[in-house]
All heavy atoms as atom14 arrays in JSON, in Angstrom:
{
  "sequence": "IFTLHADHEQNASTSTVRLAGSSGANPFACISAGIAC",
  "atom14_mask": [
    [1, 1, 1, 1, 1, 1, 1, 1, 0, 0, 0, 0, 0, 0],
    [1, 1, 1, 1, 1, 1, 1, 1, 1, 1, 1, 0, 0, 0],
    [1, 1, 1, 1, 1, 1, 1, 0, 0, 0, 0, 0, 0, 0],
    [1, 1, 1, 1, 1, 1, 1, 1, 0, 0, 0, 0, 0, 0],
    [1, 1, 1, 1, 1, 1, 1, 1, 1, 1, 0, 0, 0, 0],
    [1, 1, 1, 1, 1, 0, 0, 0, 0, 0, 0, 0, 0, 0],
    [1, 1, 1, 1, 1, 1, 1, 1, 0, 0, 0, 0, 0, 0],
    [1, 1, 1, 1, 1, 1, 1, 1, 1, 1, 0, 0, 0, 0],
    [1, 1, 1, 1, 1, 1, 1, 1, 1, 0, 0, 0, 0, 0],
    [1, 1, 1, 1, 1, 1, 1, 1, 1, 0, 0, 0, 0, 0],
    [1, 1, 1, 1, 1, 1, 1, 1, 0, 0, 0, 0, 0, 0],
    [1, 1, 1, 1, 1, 0, 0, 0, 0, 0, 0, 0, 0, 0],
    [1, 1, 1, 1, 1, 1, 0, 0, 0, 0, 0, 0, 0, 0],
    [1, 1, 1, 1, 1, 1, 1, 0, 0, 0, 0, 0, 0, 0],
    [1, 1, 1, 1, 1, 1, 0, 0, 0, 0, 0, 0, 0, 0],
    [1, 1, 1, 1, 1, 1, 1, 0, 0, 0, 0, 0, 0, 0],
    [1, 1, 1, 1, 1, 1, 1, 0, 0, 0, 0, 0, 0, 0],
    [1, 1, 1, 1, 1, 1, 1, 1, 1, 1, 1, 0, 0, 0],
    [1, 1, 1, 1, 1, 1, 1, 1, 0, 0, 0, 0, 0, 0],
    [1, 1, 1, 1, 1, 0, 0, 0, 0, 0, 0, 0, 0, 0],
    [1, 1, 1, 1, 0, 0, 0, 0, 0, 0, 0, 0, 0, 0],
    [1, 1, 1, 1, 1, 1, 0, 0, 0, 0, 0, 0, 0, 0],
    [1, 1, 1, 1, 1, 1, 0, 0, 0, 0, 0, 0, 0, 0],
    [1, 1, 1, 1, 0, 0, 0, 0, 0, 0, 0, 0, 0, 0],
    [1, 1, 1, 1, 1, 0, 0, 0, 0, 0, 0, 0, 0, 0],
    [1, 1, 1, 1, 1, 1, 1, 1, 0, 0, 0, 0, 0, 0],
    [1, 1, 1, 1, 1, 1, 1, 0, 0, 0, 0, 0, 0, 0],
    [1, 1, 1, 1, 1, 1, 1, 1, 1, 1, 1, 0, 0, 0],
    [1, 1, 1, 1, 1, 0, 0, 0, 0, 0, 0, 0, 0, 0],
    [1, 1, 1, 1, 1, 1, 0, 0, 0, 0, 0, 0, 0, 0],
    [1, 1, 1, 1, 1, 1, 1, 1, 0, 0, 0, 0, 0, 0],
    [1, 1, 1, 1, 1, 1, 0, 0, 0, 0, 0, 0, 0, 0],
    [1, 1, 1, 1, 1, 0, 0, 0, 0, 0, 0, 0, 0, 0],
    [1, 1, 1, 1, 0, 0, 0, 0, 0, 0, 0, 0, 0, 0],
    [1, 1, 1, 1, 1, 1, 1, 1, 0, 0, 0, 0, 0, 0],
    [1, 1, 1, 1, 1, 0, 0, 0, 0, 0, 0, 0, 0, 0],
    [1, 1, 1, 1, 1, 1, 0, 0, 0, 0, 0, 0, 0, 0]
  ],
  "atom14_positions": [
    [[158.33, 54.85, 155.31], [157.22, 53.94, 155.63], [155.89, 54.68, 155.51], [154.93, 54.16, 154.92], [157.39, 53.34, 157.05], [158.52, 52.31, 157.05], [156.08, 52.7, 157.52], [158.82, 51.73, 158.42], [0.0, 0.0, 0.0], [0.0, 0.0, 0.0], [0.0, 0.0, 0.0], [0.0, 0.0, 0.0], [0.0, 0.0, 0.0], [0.0, 0.0, 0.0]],
    [[155.83, 55.9, 156.04], [154.61, 56.71, 155.92], [154.24, 56.92, 154.46], [153.08, 56.76, 154.06], [154.8, 58.06, 156.61], [154.86, 58.03, 158.1], [155.27, 59.15, 158.82], [154.49, 56.9, 158.81], [155.32, 59.14, 160.19], [154.54, 56.88, 160.2], [154.96, 58.0, 160.88], [0.0, 0.0, 0.0], [0.0, 0.0, 0.0], [0.0, 0.0, 0.0]],
    [[155.23, 57.3, 153.65], [154.99, 57.57, 152.23], [154.47, 56.34, 151.5], [153.52, 56.41, 150.71], [156.28, 58.08, 151.57], [156.6, 59.39, 152.09], [156.13, 58.19, 150.05], [0.0, 0.0, 0.0], [0.0, 0.0, 0.0], [0.0, 0.0, 0.0], [0.0, 0.0, 0.0], [0.0, 0.0, 0.0], [0.0, 0.0, 0.0], [0.0, 0.0, 0.0]],
    [[155.09, 55.2, 151.75], [154.73, 53.97, 151.05], [153.33, 53.47, 151.4], [152.72, 52.73, 150.64], [155.75, 52.87, 151.34], [157.19, 53.13, 150.91], [158.07, 51.92, 151.18], [157.27, 53.51, 149.43], [0.0, 0.0, 0.0], [0.0, 0.0, 0.0], [0.0, 0.0, 0.0], [0.0, 0.0, 0.0], [0.0, 0.0, 0.0], [0.0, 0.0, 0.0]],
    [[152.83, 53.88, 152.57], [151.51, 53.42, 153.03], [150.43, 54.49, 152.91], [149.3, 54.27, 153.34], [151.61, 52.96, 154.49], [152.35, 51.67, 154.67], [153.72, 51.62, 154.79], [151.94, 50.38, 154.75], [154.11, 50.36, 154.94], [153.06, 49.59, 154.91], [0.0, 0.0, 0.0], [0.0, 0.0, 0.0], [0.0, 0.0, 0.0], [0.0, 0.0, 0.0]],
    [[150.74, 55.61, 152.28], [149.81, 56.74, 152.27], [148.5, 56.45, 151.54], [147.43, 56.9, 151.96], [150.49, 57.97, 151.66], [0.0, 0.0, 0.0], [0.0, 0.0, 0.0], [0.0, 0.0, 0.0], [0.0, 0.0, 0.0], [0.0, 0.0, 0.0], [0.0, 0.0, 0.0], [0.0, 0.0, 0.0], [0.0, 0.0, 0.0], [0.0, 0.0, 0.0]],
    [[148.56, 55.69, 150.47], [147.34, 55.34, 149.74], [147.6, 54.11, 148.9], [148.76, 53.82, 148.55], [146.85, 56.48, 148.86], [145.38, 56.33, 148.47], [144.55, 56.09, 149.36], [145.06, 56.48, 147.28], [0.0, 0.0, 0.0], [0.0, 0.0, 0.0], [0.0, 0.0, 0.0], [0.0, 0.0, 0.0], [0.0, 0.0, 0.0], [0.0, 0.0, 0.0]],
    [[146.54, 53.37, 148.57], [146.74, 52.14, 147.79], [145.45, 51.77, 147.07], [144.99, 50.65, 147.15], [147.22, 50.99, 148.69], [148.05, 49.98, 147.97], [147.73, 48.65, 147.87], [149.23, 50.14, 147.32], [148.65, 48.02, 147.17], [149.59, 48.88, 146.83], [0.0, 0.0, 0.0], [0.0, 0.0, 0.0], [0.0, 0.0, 0.0], [0.0, 0.0, 0.0]],
    [[144.91, 52.71, 146.33], [143.72, 52.5, 145.51], [142.52, 52.07, 146.37], [142.43, 52.43, 147.53], [144.02, 51.48, 144.4], [143.44, 51.85, 143.05], [143.67, 50.79, 142.02], [143.09, 49.71, 142.15], [144.43, 51.02, 141.07], [0.0, 0.0, 0.0], [0.0, 0.0, 0.0], [0.0, 0.0, 0.0], [0.0, 0.0, 0.0], [0.0, 0.0, 0.0]],
    [[141.61, 51.28, 145.82], [140.35, 50.95, 146.49], [140.45, 49.64, 147.29], [139.78, 48.66, 147.02], [139.22, 50.88, 145.47], [139.03, 52.14, 144.64], [138.91, 53.38, 145.47], [138.14, 53.4, 146.45], [139.65, 54.43, 145.12], [0.0, 0.0, 0.0], [0.0, 0.0, 0.0], [0.0, 0.0, 0.0], [0.0, 0.0, 0.0], [0.0, 0.0, 0.0]],
    [[141.31, 49.62, 148.28], [141.44, 48.46, 149.15], [140.28, 48.4, 150.15], [139.4, 49.27, 150.14], [142.78, 48.51, 149.88], [142.97, 49.86, 150.57], [142.4, 50.1, 151.63], [143.76, 50.75, 149.97], [0.0, 0.0, 0.0], [0.0, 0.0, 0.0], [0.0, 0.0, 0.0], [0.0, 0.0, 0.0], [0.0, 0.0, 0.0], [0.0, 0.0, 0.0]],
    [[140.3, 47.4, 151.03], [139.17, 47.19, 151.95], [138.91, 48.39, 152.85], [137.76, 48.83, 153.0], [139.41, 45.93, 152.79], [0.0, 0.0, 0.0], [0.0, 0.0, 0.0], [0.0, 0.0, 0.0], [0.0, 0.0, 0.0], [0.0, 0.0, 0.0], [0.0, 0.0, 0.0], [0.0, 0.0, 0.0], [0.0, 0.0, 0.0], [0.0, 0.0, 0.0]],
    [[139.96, 48.95, 153.47], [139.75, 50.06, 154.39], [139.34, 51.34, 153.66], [138.49, 52.1, 154.15], [141.0, 50.3, 155.24], [142.13, 50.55, 154.44], [0.0, 0.0, 0.0], [0.0, 0.0, 0.0], [0.0, 0.0, 0.0], [0.0, 0.0, 0.0], [0.0, 0.0, 0.0], [0.0, 0.0, 0.0], [0.0, 0.0, 0.0], [0.0, 0.0, 0.0]],
    [[139.93, 51.59, 152.5], [139.56, 52.77, 151.71], [138.11, 52.67, 151.26], [137.36, 53.65, 151.31], [140.5, 52.93, 150.51], [141.83, 53.1, 150.97], [140.1, 54.14, 149.66], [0.0, 0.0, 0.0], [0.0, 0.0, 0.0], [0.0, 0.0, 0.0], [0.0, 0.0, 0.0], [0.0, 0.0, 0.0], [0.0, 0.0, 0.0], [0.0, 0.0, 0.0]],
    [[137.72, 51.48, 150.82], [136.33, 51.27, 150.42], [135.38, 51.45, 151.6], [134.26, 51.95, 151.45], [136.16, 49.87, 149.83], [136.96, 49.71, 148.66], [0.0, 0.0, 0.0], [0.0, 0.0, 0.0], [0.0, 0.0, 0.0], [0.0, 0.0, 0.0], [0.0, 0.0, 0.0], [0.0, 0.0, 0.0], [0.0, 0.0, 0.0], [0.0, 0.0, 0.0]],
    [[135.84, 51.07, 152.8], [135.04, 51.26, 154.01], [134.83, 52.74, 154.29], [133.72, 53.17, 154.61], [135.74, 50.59, 155.22], [135.83, 49.18, 154.99], [134.97, 50.85, 156.51], [0.0, 0.0, 0.0], [0.0, 0.0, 0.0], [0.0, 0.0, 0.0], [0.0, 0.0, 0.0], [0.0, 0.0, 0.0], [0.0, 0.0, 0.0], [0.0, 0.0, 0.0]],
    [[135.9, 53.52, 154.17], [135.81, 54.97, 154.39], [134.84, 55.59, 153.38], [133.99, 56.41, 153.74], [137.2, 55.63, 154.3], [137.07, 57.15, 154.29], [138.09, 55.18, 155.45], [0.0, 0.0, 0.0], [0.0, 0.0, 0.0], [0.0, 0.0, 0.0], [0.0, 0.0, 0.0], [0.0, 0.0, 0.0], [0.0, 0.0, 0.0], [0.0, 0.0, 0.0]],
    [[134.97, 55.18, 152.11], [134.07, 55.7, 151.08], [132.62, 55.3, 151.36], [131.71, 56.13, 151.22], [134.5, 55.22, 149.7], [135.65, 56.01, 149.07], [135.98, 55.48, 147.69], [136.91, 56.31, 146.95], [136.6, 57.25, 146.07], [135.31, 57.5, 145.82], [137.53, 57.95, 145.43], [0.0, 0.0, 0.0], [0.0, 0.0, 0.0], [0.0, 0.0, 0.0]],
    [[132.39, 54.07, 151.74], [131.02, 53.6, 151.99], [130.41, 54.33, 153.18], [129.25, 54.77, 153.12], [131.01, 52.09, 152.23], [129.64, 51.42, 152.31], [128.85, 51.63, 151.02], [129.78, 49.93, 152.59], [0.0, 0.0, 0.0], [0.0, 0.0, 0.0], [0.0, 0.0, 0.0], [0.0, 0.0, 0.0], [0.0, 0.0, 0.0], [0.0, 0.0, 0.0]],
    [[131.19, 54.49, 154.25], [130.7, 55.24, 155.41], [130.43, 56.69, 155.04], [129.41, 57.28, 155.42], [131.71, 55.16, 156.56], [0.0, 0.0, 0.0], [0.0, 0.0, 0.0], [0.0, 0.0, 0.0], [0.0, 0.0, 0.0], [0.0, 0.0, 0.0], [0.0, 0.0, 0.0], [0.0, 0.0, 0.0], [0.0, 0.0, 0.0], [0.0, 0.0, 0.0]],
    [[131.33, 57.28, 154.28], [131.18, 58.67, 153.88], [130.03, 58.91, 152.92], [129.5, 60.02, 152.84], [0.0, 0.0, 0.0], [0.0, 0.0, 0.0], [0.0, 0.0, 0.0], [0.0, 0.0, 0.0], [0.0, 0.0, 0.0], [0.0, 0.0, 0.0], [0.0, 0.0, 0.0], [0.0, 0.0, 0.0], [0.0, 0.0, 0.0], [0.0, 0.0, 0.0]],
    [[129.65, 57.86, 152.18], [128.58, 58.03, 151.2], [127.24, 58.36, 151.85], [126.34, 58.87, 151.19], [128.44, 56.76, 150.33], [127.84, 55.7, 151.06], [0.0, 0.0, 0.0], [0.0, 0.0, 0.0], [0.0, 0.0, 0.0], [0.0, 0.0, 0.0], [0.0, 0.0, 0.0], [0.0, 0.0, 0.0], [0.0, 0.0, 0.0], [0.0, 0.0, 0.0]],
    [[127.1, 58.08, 153.14], [125.87, 58.42, 153.85], [125.88, 59.86, 154.36], [124.89, 60.32, 154.94], [125.67, 57.47, 155.03], [126.62, 57.76, 156.07], [0.0, 0.0, 0.0], [0.0, 0.0, 0.0], [0.0, 0.0, 0.0], [0.0, 0.0, 0.0], [0.0, 0.0, 0.0], [0.0, 0.0, 0.0], [0.0, 0.0, 0.0], [0.0, 0.0, 0.0]],
    [[127.02, 60.56, 154.16], [127.16, 61.91, 154.69], [127.69, 61.95, 156.11], [127.61, 62.96, 156.79], [0.0, 0.0, 0.0], [0.0, 0.0, 0.0], [0.0, 0.0, 0.0], [0.0, 0.0, 0.0], [0.0, 0.0, 0.0], [0.0, 0.0, 0.0], [0.0, 0.0, 0.0], [0.0, 0.0, 0.0], [0.0, 0.0, 0.0], [0.0, 0.0, 0.0]],
    [[128.27, 60.81, 156.56], [128.78, 60.7, 157.93], [129.95, 61.66, 158.16], [130.65, 62.07, 157.24], [129.21, 59.27, 158.22], [0.0, 0.0, 0.0], [0.0, 0.0, 0.0], [0.0, 0.0, 0.0], [0.0, 0.0, 0.0], [0.0, 0.0, 0.0], [0.0, 0.0, 0.0], [0.0, 0.0, 0.0], [0.0, 0.0, 0.0], [0.0, 0.0, 0.0]],
    [[130.15, 62.01, 159.43], [131.26, 62.87, 159.83], [132.59, 62.25, 159.39], [132.81, 61.04, 159.55], [131.22, 63.03, 161.36], [132.27, 63.97, 161.88], [133.45, 63.64, 161.92], [131.84, 65.16, 162.3], [0.0, 0.0, 0.0], [0.0, 0.0, 0.0], [0.0, 0.0, 0.0], [0.0, 0.0, 0.0], [0.0, 0.0, 0.0], [0.0, 0.0, 0.0]],
    [[133.52, 63.03, 158.84], [134.78, 62.46, 158.35], [135.6, 61.78, 159.43], [136.3, 60.79, 159.15], [135.52, 63.66, 157.75], [134.87, 64.86, 158.34], [133.45, 64.48, 158.57], [0.0, 0.0, 0.0], [0.0, 0.0, 0.0], [0.0, 0.0, 0.0], [0.0, 0.0, 0.0], [0.0, 0.0, 0.0], [0.0, 0.0, 0.0], [0.0, 0.0, 0.0]],
    [[135.54, 62.27, 160.68], [136.27, 61.62, 161.76], [135.71, 60.22, 162.01], [136.45, 59.27, 162.25], [136.2, 62.46, 163.04], [136.79, 63.84, 162.9], [136.02, 64.96, 163.09], [138.12, 64.01, 162.58], [136.55, 66.23, 162.97], [138.67, 65.29, 162.45], [137.88, 66.4, 162.64], [0.0, 0.0, 0.0], [0.0, 0.0, 0.0], [0.0, 0.0, 0.0]],
    [[134.38, 60.09, 161.93], [133.74, 58.78, 162.08], [134.12, 57.87, 160.92], [134.34, 56.66, 161.1], [132.23, 58.93, 162.17], [0.0, 0.0, 0.0], [0.0, 0.0, 0.0], [0.0, 0.0, 0.0], [0.0, 0.0, 0.0], [0.0, 0.0, 0.0], [0.0, 0.0, 0.0], [0.0, 0.0, 0.0], [0.0, 0.0, 0.0], [0.0, 0.0, 0.0]],
    [[134.21, 58.42, 159.71], [134.59, 57.64, 158.53], [136.01, 57.08, 158.68], [136.27, 55.92, 158.35], [134.5, 58.49, 157.26], [132.82, 59.03, 156.86], [0.0, 0.0, 0.0], [0.0, 0.0, 0.0], [0.0, 0.0, 0.0], [0.0, 0.0, 0.0], [0.0, 0.0, 0.0], [0.0, 0.0, 0.0], [0.0, 0.0, 0.0], [0.0, 0.0, 0.0]],
    [[136.93, 57.91, 159.16], [138.31, 57.47, 159.36], [138.37, 56.4, 160.45], [139.12, 55.43, 160.36], [139.24, 58.65, 159.69], [139.24, 59.66, 158.54], [140.66, 58.17, 159.99], [139.64, 59.1, 157.19], [0.0, 0.0, 0.0], [0.0, 0.0, 0.0], [0.0, 0.0, 0.0], [0.0, 0.0, 0.0], [0.0, 0.0, 0.0], [0.0, 0.0, 0.0]],
    [[137.57, 56.55, 161.5], [137.49, 55.54, 162.55], [137.04, 54.2, 161.96], [137.57, 53.14, 162.33], [136.52, 55.99, 163.65], [136.4, 55.02, 164.66], [0.0, 0.0, 0.0], [0.0, 0.0, 0.0], [0.0, 0.0, 0.0], [0.0, 0.0, 0.0], [0.0, 0.0, 0.0], [0.0, 0.0, 0.0], [0.0, 0.0, 0.0], [0.0, 0.0, 0.0]],
    [[136.08, 54.25, 161.04], [135.61, 53.02, 160.37], [136.75, 52.4, 159.55], [136.92, 51.18, 159.53], [134.41, 53.33, 159.48], [0.0, 0.0, 0.0], [0.0, 0.0, 0.0], [0.0, 0.0, 0.0], [0.0, 0.0, 0.0], [0.0, 0.0, 0.0], [0.0, 0.0, 0.0], [0.0, 0.0, 0.0], [0.0, 0.0, 0.0], [0.0, 0.0, 0.0]],
    [[137.52, 53.24, 158.88], [138.67, 52.75, 158.11], [139.7, 52.09, 159.0], [140.28, 51.05, 158.65], [0.0, 0.0, 0.0], [0.0, 0.0, 0.0], [0.0, 0.0, 0.0], [0.0, 0.0, 0.0], [0.0, 0.0, 0.0], [0.0, 0.0, 0.0], [0.0, 0.0, 0.0], [0.0, 0.0, 0.0], [0.0, 0.0, 0.0], [0.0, 0.0, 0.0]],
    [[139.95, 52.67, 160.18], [140.91, 52.1, 161.13], [140.43, 50.72, 161.59], [141.22, 49.77, 161.68], [141.1, 53.04, 162.34], [141.8, 54.34, 161.89], [141.91, 52.37, 163.44], [141.8, 55.44, 162.94], [0.0, 0.0, 0.0], [0.0, 0.0, 0.0], [0.0, 0.0, 0.0], [0.0, 0.0, 0.0], [0.0, 0.0, 0.0], [0.0, 0.0, 0.0]],
    [[139.14, 50.61, 161.88], [138.57, 49.33, 162.3], [138.77, 48.25, 161.24], [139.15, 47.11, 161.54], [137.08, 49.49, 162.62], [0.0, 0.0, 0.0], [0.0, 0.0, 0.0], [0.0, 0.0, 0.0], [0.0, 0.0, 0.0], [0.0, 0.0, 0.0], [0.0, 0.0, 0.0], [0.0, 0.0, 0.0], [0.0, 0.0, 0.0], [0.0, 0.0, 0.0]],
    [[138.55, 48.62, 159.97], [138.74, 47.67, 158.87], [140.22, 47.29, 158.71], [140.56, 46.13, 158.48], [138.18, 48.25, 157.58], [138.37, 47.16, 156.15], [0.0, 0.0, 0.0], [0.0, 0.0, 0.0], [0.0, 0.0, 0.0], [0.0, 0.0, 0.0], [0.0, 0.0, 0.0], [0.0, 0.0, 0.0], [0.0, 0.0, 0.0], [0.0, 0.0, 0.0]]
  ]
}
């Protein structure tokens, strides 16, 4: 289950992490944003 869910291209949460990170935000904060999405 972990392996199958490890990544899935540019989905909503991944795009959220990238968008948050594009401002130079802390990676822990970026992952938190991804979890919220």
